[in-house]
PDB file of N, CA and C in Angstrom:
ATOM      1  N   LEU A   1     -29.500  -6.758   2.882  1.00  0.00           N
ATOM      2  CA  LEU A   1     -30.606  -7.354   2.152  1.00  0.00           C
ATOM      3  C   LEU A   1     -30.775  -6.728   0.769  1.00  0.00           C
ATOM      4  N   ILE A   2     -30.501  -5.453   0.663  1.00  0.00           N
ATOM      5  CA  ILE A   2     -30.649  -4.791  -0.643  1.00  0.00           C
ATOM      6  C   ILE A   2     -29.728  -5.442  -1.671  1.00  0.00           C
ATOM      7  N   LEU A   3     -28.495  -5.662  -1.309  1.00  0.00           N
ATOM      8  CA  LEU A   3     -27.544  -6.295  -2.222  1.00  0.00           C
ATOM      9  C   LEU A   3     -27.979  -7.721  -2.544  1.00  0.00           C
ATOM     10  N   ALA A   4     -28.407  -8.461  -1.531  1.00  0.00           N
ATOM     11  CA  ALA A   4     -28.840  -9.842  -1.740  1.00  0.00           C
ATOM     12  C   ALA A   4     -30.067  -9.912  -2.646  1.00  0.00           C
ATOM     13  N   MET A   5     -31.007  -8.975  -2.496  1.00  0.00           N
ATOM     14  CA  MET A   5     -32.203  -8.985  -3.358  1.00  0.00           C
ATOM     15  C   MET A   5     -31.825  -8.785  -4.816  1.00  0.00           C
ATOM     16  N   ASP A   6     -30.762  -8.038  -5.056  1.00  0.00           N
ATOM     17  CA  ASP A   6     -30.317  -7.787  -6.420  1.00  0.00           C
ATOM     18  C   ASP A   6     -29.515  -8.960  -6.984  1.00  0.00           C
ATOM     19  N   ALA A   7     -28.812  -9.677  -6.113  1.00  0.00           N
ATOM     20  CA  ALA A   7     -27.892 -10.703  -6.583  1.00  0.00           C
ATOM     21  C   ALA A   7     -28.402 -12.138  -6.451  1.00  0.00           C
ATOM     22  N   CYS A   8     -29.425 -12.358  -5.643  1.00  0.00           N
ATOM     23  CA  CYS A   8     -29.851 -13.727  -5.338  1.00  0.00           C
ATOM     24  C   CYS A   8     -31.304 -13.975  -5.748  1.00  0.00           C
ATOM     25  N   TYR A   9     -31.608 -15.235  -6.030  1.00  0.00           N
ATOM     26  CA  TYR A   9     -32.985 -15.613  -6.363  1.00  0.00           C
ATOM     27  C   TYR A   9     -33.850 -15.713  -5.113  1.00  0.00           C
ATOM     28  N   GLY A  10     -33.236 -16.071  -4.005  1.00  0.00           N
ATOM     29  CA  GLY A  10     -33.955 -16.193  -2.749  1.00  0.00           C
ATOM     30  C   GLY A  10     -33.025 -15.902  -1.589  1.00  0.00           C
ATOM     31  N   ILE A  11     -33.593 -15.419  -0.495  1.00  0.00           N
ATOM     32  CA  ILE A  11     -32.809 -15.063   0.680  1.00  0.00           C
ATOM     33  C   ILE A  11     -33.421 -15.772   1.889  1.00  0.00           C
ATOM     34  N   HIS A  12     -32.582 -16.363   2.716  1.00  0.00           N
ATOM     35  CA  HIS A  12     -33.019 -16.990   3.966  1.00  0.00           C
ATOM     36  C   HIS A  12     -32.393 -16.208   5.111  1.00  0.00           C
ATOM     37  N   VAL A  13     -33.237 -15.662   5.975  1.00  0.00           N
ATOM     38  CA  VAL A  13     -32.782 -14.880   7.122  1.00  0.00           C
ATOM     39  C   VAL A  13     -33.091 -15.688   8.383  1.00  0.00           C
ATOM     40  N   TYR A  14     -32.080 -15.903   9.207  1.00  0.00           N
ATOM     41  CA  TYR A  14     -32.231 -16.705  10.411  1.00  0.00           C
ATOM     42  C   TYR A  14     -32.014 -15.846  11.657  1.00  0.00           C
ATOM     43  N   GLY A  15     -32.858 -16.059  12.658  1.00  0.00           N
ATOM     44  CA  GLY A  15     -32.638 -15.457  13.963  1.00  0.00           C
ATOM     45  C   GLY A  15     -33.062 -14.011  14.111  1.00  0.00           C
ATOM     46  N   MET A  16     -33.887 -13.493  13.228  1.00  0.00           N
ATOM     47  CA  MET A  16     -34.343 -12.104  13.333  1.00  0.00           C
ATOM     48  C   MET A  16     -35.823 -12.099  13.713  1.00  0.00           C
ATOM     49  N   ILE A  17     -36.144 -11.422  14.829  1.00  0.00           N
ATOM     50  CA  ILE A  17     -37.549 -11.335  15.231  1.00  0.00           C
ATOM     51  C   ILE A  17     -38.272 -10.329  14.342  1.00  0.00           C
ATOM     52  N   ASN A  18     -39.589 -10.459  14.277  1.00  0.00           N
ATOM     53  CA  ASN A  18     -40.363  -9.533  13.445  1.00  0.00           C
ATOM     54  C   ASN A  18     -40.727  -8.272  14.229  1.00  0.00           C
ATOM     55  N   ASP A  19     -41.425  -7.349  13.601  1.00  0.00           N
ATOM     56  CA  ASP A  19     -41.722  -6.050  14.208  1.00  0.00           C
ATOM     57  C   ASP A  19     -42.757  -6.125  15.327  1.00  0.00           C
ATOM     58  N   THR A  20     -43.504  -7.220  15.439  1.00  0.00           N
ATOM     59  CA  THR A  20     -44.522  -7.332  16.481  1.00  0.00           C
ATOM     60  C   THR A  20     -44.111  -8.248  17.629  1.00  0.00           C
ATOM     61  N   TYR A  21     -42.968  -8.869  17.536  1.00  0.00           N
ATOM     62  CA  TYR A  21     -42.538  -9.855  18.521  1.00  0.00           C
ATOM     63  C   TYR A  21     -42.530  -9.291  19.947  1.00  0.00           C
ATOM     64  N   CYS A  22     -41.972  -8.116  20.137  1.00  0.00           N
ATOM     65  CA  CYS A  22     -41.823  -7.548  21.475  1.00  0.00           C
ATOM     66  C   CYS A  22     -43.153  -7.149  22.111  1.00  0.00           C
ATOM     67  N   LYS A  23     -44.196  -7.066  21.319  1.00  0.00           N
ATOM     68  CA  LYS A  23     -45.515  -6.744  21.853  1.00  0.00           C
ATOM     69  C   LYS A  23     -46.401  -7.987  21.945  1.00  0.00           C
ATOM     70  N   SER A  24     -45.886  -9.131  21.520  1.00  0.00           N
ATOM     71  CA  SER A  24     -46.684 -10.354  21.542  1.00  0.00           C
ATOM     72  C   SER A  24     -46.673 -10.964  22.946  1.00  0.00           C
ATOM     73  N   GLU A  25     -47.735 -11.658  23.253  1.00  0.00           N
ATOM     74  CA  GLU A  25     -47.856 -12.293  24.558  1.00  0.00           C
ATOM     75  C   GLU A  25     -46.862 -13.438  24.669  1.00  0.00           C
ATOM     76  N   GLY A  26     -46.162 -13.498  25.776  1.00  0.00           N
ATOM     77  CA  GLY A  26     -45.241 -14.600  26.026  1.00  0.00           C
ATOM     78  C   GLY A  26     -43.916 -14.508  25.287  1.00  0.00           C
ATOM     79  N   PHE A  27     -43.539 -13.289  24.818  1.00  0.00           N
ATOM     80  CA  PHE A  27     -42.245 -13.188  24.136  1.00  0.00           C
ATOM     81  C   PHE A  27     -41.134 -13.519  25.124  1.00  0.00           C
ATOM     82  N   ARG A  28     -40.047 -14.010  24.607  1.00  0.00           N
ATOM     83  CA  ARG A  28     -38.925 -14.439  25.442  1.00  0.00           C
ATOM     84  C   ARG A  28     -37.914 -13.313  25.583  1.00  0.00           C
ATOM     85  N   LYS A  29     -37.582 -12.970  26.824  1.00  0.00           N
ATOM     86  CA  LYS A  29     -36.561 -11.947  27.057  1.00  0.00           C
ATOM     87  C   LYS A  29     -35.183 -12.550  26.814  1.00  0.00           C
ATOM     88  N   VAL A  30     -34.415 -11.878  25.987  1.00  0.00           N
ATOM     89  CA  VAL A  30     -33.037 -12.294  25.724  1.00  0.00           C
ATOM     90  C   VAL A  30     -32.157 -11.051  25.798  1.00  0.00           C
ATOM     91  N   PRO A  31     -30.894 -11.223  26.170  1.00  0.00           N
ATOM     92  CA  PRO A  31     -30.014 -10.052  26.233  1.00  0.00           C
ATOM     93  C   PRO A  31     -29.804  -9.444  24.854  1.00  0.00           C
ATOM     94  N   TYR A  32     -29.651  -8.134  24.816  1.00  0.00           N
ATOM     95  CA  TYR A  32     -29.384  -7.455  23.555  1.00  0.00           C
ATOM     96  C   TYR A  32     -28.029  -7.904  23.000  1.00  0.00           C
ATOM     97  N   HIS A  33     -27.033  -7.930  23.851  1.00  0.00           N
ATOM     98  CA  HIS A  33     -25.725  -8.485  23.501  1.00  0.00           C
ATOM     99  C   HIS A  33     -25.487  -9.701  24.385  1.00  0.00           C
ATOM    100  N   TYR A  34     -25.101 -10.802  23.790  1.00  0.00           N
ATOM    101  CA  TYR A  34     -24.873 -12.013  24.568  1.00  0.00           C
ATOM    102  C   TYR A  34     -23.683 -11.872  25.506  1.00  0.00           C
ATOM    103  N   TYR A  35     -22.767 -10.959  25.232  1.00  0.00           N
ATOM    104  CA  TYR A  35     -21.518 -10.878  25.962  1.00  0.00           C
ATOM    105  C   TYR A  35     -21.506  -9.819  27.061  1.00  0.00           C
ATOM    106  N   GLU A  36     -22.619  -9.097  27.244  1.00  0.00           N
ATOM    107  CA  GLU A  36     -22.638  -8.112  28.321  1.00  0.00           C
ATOM    108  C   GLU A  36     -24.023  -8.041  28.959  1.00  0.00           C
ATOM    109  N   PRO A  37     -24.061  -7.907  30.275  1.00  0.00           N
ATOM    110  CA  PRO A  37     -25.363  -7.782  30.941  1.00  0.00           C
ATOM    111  C   PRO A  37     -25.960  -6.400  30.673  1.00  0.00           C
ATOM    112  N   GLY A  38     -27.238  -6.270  30.901  1.00  0.00           N
ATOM    113  CA  GLY A  38     -27.890  -4.982  30.684  1.00  0.00           C
ATOM    114  C   GLY A  38     -29.284  -5.169  30.148  1.00  0.00           C
ATOM    115  N   ARG A  39     -29.689  -4.254  29.282  1.00  0.00           N
ATOM    116  CA  ARG A  39     -31.043  -4.305  28.720  1.00  0.00           C
ATOM    117  C   ARG A  39     -31.255  -5.554  27.877  1.00  0.00           C
ATOM    118  N   ASP A  40     -32.511  -5.973  27.869  1.00  0.00           N
ATOM    119  CA  ASP A  40     -32.818  -7.072  26.969  1.00  0.00           C
ATOM    120  C   ASP A  40     -33.114  -6.515  25.576  1.00  0.00           C
ATOM    121  N   GLU A  41     -33.238  -7.415  24.627  1.00  0.00           N
ATOM    122  CA  GLU A  41     -33.384  -7.037  23.219  1.00  0.00           C
ATOM    123  C   GLU A  41     -34.568  -6.095  22.994  1.00  0.00           C
ATOM    124  N   CYS A  42     -35.728  -6.439  23.533  1.00  0.00           N
ATOM    125  CA  CYS A  42     -36.921  -5.619  23.294  1.00  0.00           C
ATOM    126  C   CYS A  42     -36.803  -4.248  23.954  1.00  0.00           C
ATOM    127  N   GLU A  43     -36.244  -4.187  25.157  1.00  0.00           N
ATOM    128  CA  GLU A  43     -36.036  -2.883  25.804  1.00  0.00           C
ATOM    129  C   GLU A  43     -35.157  -1.996  24.927  1.00  0.00           C
ATOM    130  N   GLU A  44     -34.115  -2.568  24.385  1.00  0.00           N
ATOM    131  CA  GLU A  44     -33.192  -1.815  23.519  1.00  0.00           C
ATOM    132  C   GLU A  44     -33.892  -1.349  22.251  1.00  0.00           C
ATOM    133  N   TYR A  45     -34.718  -2.205  21.662  1.00  0.00           N
ATOM    134  CA  TYR A  45     -35.455  -1.841  20.452  1.00  0.00           C
ATOM    135  C   TYR A  45     -36.395  -0.670  20.712  1.00  0.00           C
ATOM    136  N   PHE A  46     -37.148  -0.725  21.818  1.00  0.00           N
ATOM    137  CA  PHE A  46     -38.080   0.358  22.137  1.00  0.00           C
ATOM    138  C   PHE A  46     -37.336   1.649  22.453  1.00  0.00           C
ATOM    139  N   LEU A  47     -36.205   1.542  23.151  1.00  0.00           N
ATOM    140  CA  LEU A  47     -35.398   2.722  23.460  1.00  0.00           C
ATOM    141  C   LEU A  47     -34.962   3.426  22.174  1.00  0.00           C
ATOM    142  N   HIS A  48     -34.452   2.666  21.232  1.00  0.00           N
ATOM    143  CA  HIS A  48     -33.978   3.243  19.969  1.00  0.00           C
ATOM    144  C   HIS A  48     -35.135   3.733  19.096  1.00  0.00           C
ATOM    145  N   GLU A  49     -36.219   2.982  19.066  1.00  0.00           N
ATOM    146  CA  GLU A  49     -37.358   3.352  18.218  1.00  0.00           C
ATOM    147  C   GLU A  49     -37.946   4.692  18.638  1.00  0.00           C
ATOM    148  N   ASN A  50     -37.898   4.984  19.927  1.00  0.00           N
ATOM    149  CA  ASN A  50     -38.497   6.210  20.447  1.00  0.00           C
ATOM    150  C   ASN A  50     -37.484   7.303  20.754  1.00  0.00           C
ATOM    151  N   ALA A  51     -36.239   7.113  20.383  1.00  0.00           N
ATOM    152  CA  ALA A  51     -35.209   8.133  20.625  1.00  0.00           C
ATOM    153  C   ALA A  51     -35.492   9.357  19.760  1.00  0.00           C
ATOM    154  N   PRO A  52     -35.330  10.558  20.330  1.00  0.00           N
ATOM    155  CA  PRO A  52     -35.603  11.764  19.543  1.00  0.00           C
ATOM    156  C   PRO A  52     -34.632  11.938  18.371  1.00  0.00           C
ATOM    157  N   TYR A  53     -33.416  11.421  18.504  1.00  0.00           N
ATOM    158  CA  TYR A  53     -32.439  11.479  17.413  1.00  0.00           C
ATOM    159  C   TYR A  53     -31.342  10.454  17.689  1.00  0.00           C
ATOM    160  N   GLY A  54     -30.677  10.035  16.651  1.00  0.00           N
ATOM    161  CA  GLY A  54     -29.517   9.167  16.780  1.00  0.00           C
ATOM    162  C   GLY A  54     -29.801   7.701  17.077  1.00  0.00           C
ATOM    163  N   GLY A  55     -31.064   7.283  17.072  1.00  0.00           N
ATOM    164  CA  GLY A  55     -31.372   5.887  17.352  1.00  0.00           C
ATOM    165  C   GLY A  55     -31.406   5.051  16.083  1.00  0.00           C
ATOM    166  N   HIS A  56     -31.278   3.758  16.259  1.00  0.00           N
ATOM    167  CA  HIS A  56     -31.425   2.812  15.157  1.00  0.00           C
ATOM    168  C   HIS A  56     -32.865   2.318  15.220  1.00  0.00           C
ATOM    169  N   ARG A  57     -33.643   2.588  14.236  1.00  0.00           N
ATOM    170  CA  ARG A  57     -35.058   2.243  14.227  1.00  0.00           C
ATOM    171  C   ARG A  57     -35.239   0.770  13.883  1.00  0.00           C
ATOM    172  N   PHE A  58     -34.938  -0.097  14.850  1.00  0.00           N
ATOM    173  CA  PHE A  58     -34.990  -1.540  14.637  1.00  0.00           C
ATOM    174  C   PHE A  58     -36.376  -2.015  14.216  1.00  0.00           C
ATOM    175  N   ILE A  59     -37.406  -1.559  14.914  1.00  0.00           N
ATOM    176  CA  ILE A  59     -38.769  -2.018  14.637  1.00  0.00           C
ATOM    177  C   ILE A  59     -39.219  -1.547  13.255  1.00  0.00           C
ATOM    178  N   THR A  60     -38.942  -0.300  12.927  1.00  0.00           N
ATOM    179  CA  THR A  60     -39.262   0.222  11.599  1.00  0.00           C
ATOM    180  C   THR A  60     -38.512  -0.569  10.530  1.00  0.00           C
ATOM    181  N   GLU A  61     -37.261  -0.874  10.791  1.00  0.00           N
ATOM    182  CA  GLU A  61     -36.449  -1.653   9.853  1.00  0.00           C
ATOM    183  C   GLU A  61     -37.094  -3.015   9.574  1.00  0.00           C
ATOM    184  N   LYS A  62     -37.589  -3.667  10.603  1.00  0.00           N
ATOM    185  CA  LYS A  62     -38.221  -4.973  10.431  1.00  0.00           C
ATOM    186  C   LYS A  62     -39.522  -4.864   9.637  1.00  0.00           C
ATOM    187  N   LYS A  63     -40.238  -3.756   9.789  1.00  0.00           N
ATOM    188  CA  LYS A  63     -41.447  -3.523   8.986  1.00  0.00           C
ATOM    189  C   LYS A  63     -41.080  -3.392   7.507  1.00  0.00           C
ATOM    190  N   VAL A  64     -39.988  -2.709   7.234  1.00  0.00           N
ATOM    191  CA  VAL A  64     -39.514  -2.562   5.853  1.00  0.00           C
ATOM    192  C   VAL A  64     -39.122  -3.924   5.287  1.00  0.00           C
ATOM    193  N   PHE A  65     -38.417  -4.732   6.069  1.00  0.00           N
ATOM    194  CA  PHE A  65     -38.036  -6.069   5.611  1.00  0.00           C
ATOM    195  C   PHE A  65     -39.267  -6.899   5.275  1.00  0.00           C
ATOM    196  N   ALA A  66     -40.318  -6.792   6.090  1.00  0.00           N
ATOM    197  CA  ALA A  66     -41.556  -7.537   5.835  1.00  0.00           C
ATOM    198  C   ALA A  66     -42.194  -7.089   4.521  1.00  0.00           C
ATOM    199  N   LYS A  67     -42.155  -5.786   4.219  1.00  0.00           N
ATOM    200  CA  LYS A  67     -42.692  -5.285   2.942  1.00  0.00           C
ATOM    201  C   LYS A  67     -41.882  -5.832   1.772  1.00  0.00           C
ATOM    202  N   TRP A  68     -40.567  -5.856   1.918  1.00  0.00           N
ATOM    203  CA  TRP A  68     -39.717  -6.393   0.859  1.00  0.00           C
ATOM    204  C   TRP A  68     -40.016  -7.870   0.622  1.00  0.00           C
ATOM    205  N   ALA A  69     -40.306  -8.607   1.694  1.00  0.00           N
ATOM    206  CA  ALA A  69     -40.567 -10.044   1.577  1.00  0.00           C
ATOM    207  C   ALA A  69     -41.838 -10.325   0.778  1.00  0.00           C
ATOM    208  N   LYS A  70     -42.729  -9.347   0.669  1.00  0.00           N
ATOM    209  CA  LYS A  70     -43.938  -9.516  -0.133  1.00  0.00           C
ATOM    210  C   LYS A  70     -43.625  -9.472  -1.624  1.00  0.00           C
ATOM    211  N   LYS A  71     -42.541  -8.796  -1.989  1.00  0.00           N
ATOM    212  CA  LYS A  71     -42.191  -8.615  -3.401  1.00  0.00           C
ATOM    213  C   LYS A  71     -41.002  -9.466  -3.846  1.00  0.00           C
ATOM    214  N   HIS A  72     -40.235  -9.961  -2.896  1.00  0.00           N
ATOM    215  CA  HIS A  72     -39.038 -10.750  -3.197  1.00  0.00           C
ATOM    216  C   HIS A  72     -39.116 -12.073  -2.444  1.00  0.00           C
ATOM    217  N   THR A  73     -38.309 -13.018  -2.826  1.00  0.00           N
ATOM    218  CA  THR A  73     -38.290 -14.315  -2.164  1.00  0.00           C
ATOM    219  C   THR A  73     -37.379 -14.230  -0.947  1.00  0.00           C
ATOM    220  N   ILE A  74     -37.959 -13.771   0.174  1.00  0.00           N
ATOM    221  CA  ILE A  74     -37.226 -13.671   1.431  1.00  0.00           C
ATOM    222  C   ILE A  74     -37.970 -14.518   2.459  1.00  0.00           C
ATOM    223  N   THR A  75     -37.246 -15.429   3.086  1.00  0.00           N
ATOM    224  CA  THR A  75     -37.825 -16.321   4.088  1.00  0.00           C
ATOM    225  C   THR A  75     -37.153 -16.057   5.427  1.00  0.00           C
ATOM    226  N   PHE A  76     -37.961 -15.790   6.443  1.00  0.00           N
ATOM    227  CA  PHE A  76     -37.459 -15.551   7.795  1.00  0.00           C
ATOM    228  C   PHE A  76     -37.780 -16.777   8.646  1.00  0.00           C
ATOM    229  N   THR A  77     -36.757 -17.365   9.255  1.00  0.00           N
ATOM    230  CA  THR A  77     -36.972 -18.530  10.110  1.00  0.00           C
ATOM    231  C   THR A  77     -36.213 -18.383  11.419  1.00  0.00           C
ATOM    232  N   HIS A  78     -36.691 -19.117  12.386  1.00  0.00           N
ATOM    233  CA  HIS A  78     -36.096 -19.163  13.744  1.00  0.00           C
ATOM    234  C   HIS A  78     -35.990 -17.777  14.356  1.00  0.00           C
ATOM    235  N   PRO A  79     -37.063 -17.077  14.631  1.00  0.00           N
ATOM    236  CA  PRO A  79     -38.457 -17.490  14.519  1.00  0.00           C
ATOM    237  C   PRO A  79     -39.012 -17.235  13.115  1.00  0.00           C
ATOM    238  N   ASN A  80     -40.067 -17.972  12.783  1.00  0.00           N
ATOM    239  CA  ASN A  80     -40.728 -17.817  11.481  1.00  0.00           C
ATOM    240  C   ASN A  80     -41.560 -16.553  11.476  1.00  0.00           C
ATOM    241  N   TRP A  81     -41.557 -15.870  10.364  1.00  0.00           N
ATOM    242  CA  TRP A  81     -42.406 -14.691  10.177  1.00  0.00           C
ATOM    243  C   TRP A  81     -43.577 -15.076   9.298  1.00  0.00           C
ATOM    244  N   THR A  82     -44.729 -14.537   9.614  1.00  0.00           N
ATOM    245  CA  THR A  82     -45.885 -14.654   8.739  1.00  0.00           C
ATOM    246  C   THR A  82     -45.986 -13.339   7.967  1.00  0.00           C
ATOM    247  N   VAL A  83     -45.682 -13.382   6.696  1.00  0.00           N
ATOM    248  CA  VAL A  83     -45.718 -12.188   5.855  1.00  0.00           C
ATOM    249  C   VAL A  83     -47.000 -12.239   5.047  1.00  0.00           C
ATOM    250  N   SER A  84     -47.892 -11.273   5.322  1.00  0.00           N
ATOM    251  CA  SER A  84     -49.187 -11.283   4.610  1.00  0.00           C
ATOM    252  C   SER A  84     -49.341 -10.068   3.732  1.00  0.00           C
TER     253      SER A  84
END
């Protein structure tokens, strides 16, 4: 996204859930990887977000993307994000 913000007038991001999706009522459980059974996406996100070290902070990353969308033309769809 950093490169795209520098090179493009607008960015369209498809298929990325927002930082509150996993805590929302009625969220849909989907596998983290479509090709292997195991944890679902939200379980994996929480595991990494709370890892003492070496985790990928997915939820924090999505919060950063939402902040960037306030200053740049970034549109998140499928699912749609409400950036306020």
